[in-house]
Amino acid sequence: ITVSDQGVPVKSTTVRVIVKVLDENDNKPQFMEKVYKIKLPEREKPEKERALRRDPVYRVIASDRDEGPNAEISYSIEDGDEQGKFFIEPKTGMVSFKKFSAAGDYDILT
């Protein structure tokens, strides 16, 4: 960029400017699978004992092709957990089981 004044003689100076274009948040996160089917073993522990901790079920993994803060991913359960059986760790994608489920039951989470 060059700037000059209106004096006589005209004085001017030139400076080099570097423009760094930041990554736009133009890519959405993608899961490695479209559908995850997880079979849980039947559990014999009473629900009371399990209430003290969350039992891990599965870790879902997604990726985002953006860079920097635009690539950061936060996981959440959008739908299908009306009974509050599951919890997902927002940073890691680890899904945990909070409540007992009878054999043969199934849940579809989004």
Protein backbone atom coordinates (compact mmCIF):
# COMPACT_ATOMS: atom_id res chain seq x y z
CA ILE A 1 0.00 0.00 0.00
CA THR A 2 1.32 3.45 -0.88
CA VAL A 3 0.08 6.68 0.66
CA SER A 4 1.01 10.24 -0.33
CA ASP A 5 0.24 13.78 0.75
CA GLN A 6 -0.76 16.86 -1.24
CA GLY A 7 2.42 18.83 -0.47
CA VAL A 8 4.97 20.20 -2.87
CA PRO A 9 6.99 18.16 -3.37
CA VAL A 10 4.67 15.22 -2.81
CA LYS A 11 5.89 12.91 -0.09
CA SER A 12 4.89 9.27 -0.05
CA THR A 13 5.65 6.03 1.72
CA THR A 14 5.03 2.41 0.92
CA VAL A 15 4.33 -0.45 3.30
CA ARG A 16 3.76 -4.15 2.68
CA VAL A 17 0.52 -5.52 4.16
CA ILE A 18 -0.10 -9.23 4.70
CA VAL A 19 -3.76 -10.26 4.79
CA LYS A 20 -4.55 -13.59 6.40
CA VAL A 21 -8.03 -14.87 5.58
CA LEU A 22 -9.45 -16.84 8.48
CA ASP A 23 -11.24 -20.15 7.94
CA GLU A 24 -14.98 -19.76 7.49
CA ASN A 25 -17.26 -22.16 9.34
CA ASP A 26 -18.45 -23.72 6.08
CA ASN A 27 -18.15 -27.44 6.85
CA LYS A 28 -20.54 -29.30 9.09
CA PRO A 29 -19.33 -32.05 11.42
CA GLN A 30 -19.55 -35.58 10.02
CA PHE A 31 -19.90 -38.82 11.99
CA MET A 32 -17.78 -41.76 10.91
CA GLU A 33 -20.97 -43.87 10.58
CA LYS A 34 -24.49 -42.80 9.65
CA VAL A 35 -26.06 -45.33 12.03
CA TYR A 36 -24.49 -46.89 15.11
CA LYS A 37 -25.98 -50.18 16.33
CA ILE A 38 -24.77 -51.07 19.81
CA LYS A 39 -25.81 -54.21 21.66
CA LEU A 40 -25.56 -53.97 25.42
CA PRO A 41 -24.99 -57.01 27.63
CA GLU A 42 -27.79 -57.90 30.01
CA ARG A 43 -26.99 -56.55 33.45
CA GLU A 44 -27.73 -58.14 36.76
CA LYS A 45 -26.81 -55.27 39.06
CA PRO A 46 -29.75 -53.52 40.70
CA GLU A 47 -30.45 -50.03 39.42
CA LYS A 48 -29.63 -48.62 42.85
CA GLU A 49 -25.98 -49.72 42.56
CA ARG A 50 -25.60 -48.27 39.07
CA ALA A 51 -27.15 -44.93 40.06
CA LEU A 52 -23.85 -43.95 41.69
CA ARG A 53 -21.96 -43.94 38.40
CA ARG A 54 -22.50 -43.84 34.65
CA ASP A 55 -21.81 -47.04 32.73
CA PRO A 56 -20.00 -46.31 29.42
CA VAL A 57 -21.82 -47.62 26.37
CA TYR A 58 -19.99 -46.36 23.30
CA ARG A 59 -17.92 -43.44 22.06
CA VAL A 60 -19.13 -41.74 18.91
CA ILE A 61 -16.60 -39.78 16.89
CA ALA A 62 -17.22 -36.94 14.46
CA SER A 63 -14.82 -34.72 12.57
CA ASP A 64 -15.00 -31.26 11.07
CA ARG A 65 -12.91 -30.14 8.08
CA ASP A 66 -12.82 -26.54 9.31
CA GLU A 67 -9.79 -25.15 11.15
CA GLY A 68 -9.25 -23.58 14.57
CA PRO A 69 -12.31 -22.80 16.72
CA ASN A 70 -14.61 -23.63 13.79
CA ALA A 71 -13.44 -27.26 13.97
CA GLU A 72 -14.31 -27.70 17.65
CA ILE A 73 -17.09 -30.24 18.19
CA SER A 74 -19.63 -30.44 21.00
CA TYR A 75 -21.75 -33.58 21.32
CA SER A 76 -25.35 -33.66 22.57
CA ILE A 77 -28.36 -35.97 22.38
CA GLU A 78 -30.99 -34.28 20.26
CA ASP A 79 -33.84 -36.79 20.35
CA GLY A 80 -34.86 -40.24 21.60
CA ASP A 81 -33.85 -39.96 25.26
CA GLU A 82 -37.21 -38.98 26.71
CA GLN A 83 -36.73 -41.37 29.66
CA GLY A 84 -33.32 -39.92 30.50
CA LYS A 85 -31.46 -43.24 30.14
CA PHE A 86 -28.40 -41.83 28.43
CA PHE A 87 -25.78 -39.13 28.85
CA ILE A 88 -23.21 -37.96 26.30
CA GLU A 89 -20.02 -36.20 27.35
CA PRO A 90 -20.03 -32.98 25.26
CA LYS A 91 -16.26 -32.93 24.63
CA THR A 92 -15.44 -36.62 24.11
CA GLY A 93 -18.61 -38.13 22.61
CA MET A 94 -18.66 -40.91 25.25
CA VAL A 95 -22.22 -42.19 25.63
CA SER A 96 -23.11 -43.50 29.07
CA PHE A 97 -26.06 -45.46 30.38
CA LYS A 98 -27.76 -43.86 33.40
CA LYS A 99 -30.82 -46.05 33.92
CA PHE A 100 -31.62 -49.75 33.74
CA SER A 101 -33.13 -51.09 30.54
CA ALA A 102 -34.84 -54.48 30.32
CA ALA A 103 -33.59 -57.19 27.96
CA GLY A 104 -35.05 -56.79 24.48
CA ASP A 105 -35.57 -53.03 24.82
CA TYR A 106 -34.05 -50.72 22.26
CA ASP A 107 -33.65 -46.99 21.93
CA ILE A 108 -33.02 -44.83 18.89
CA LEU A 109 -31.02 -41.74 19.72
CA THR A 110 -30.27 -38.78 17.50
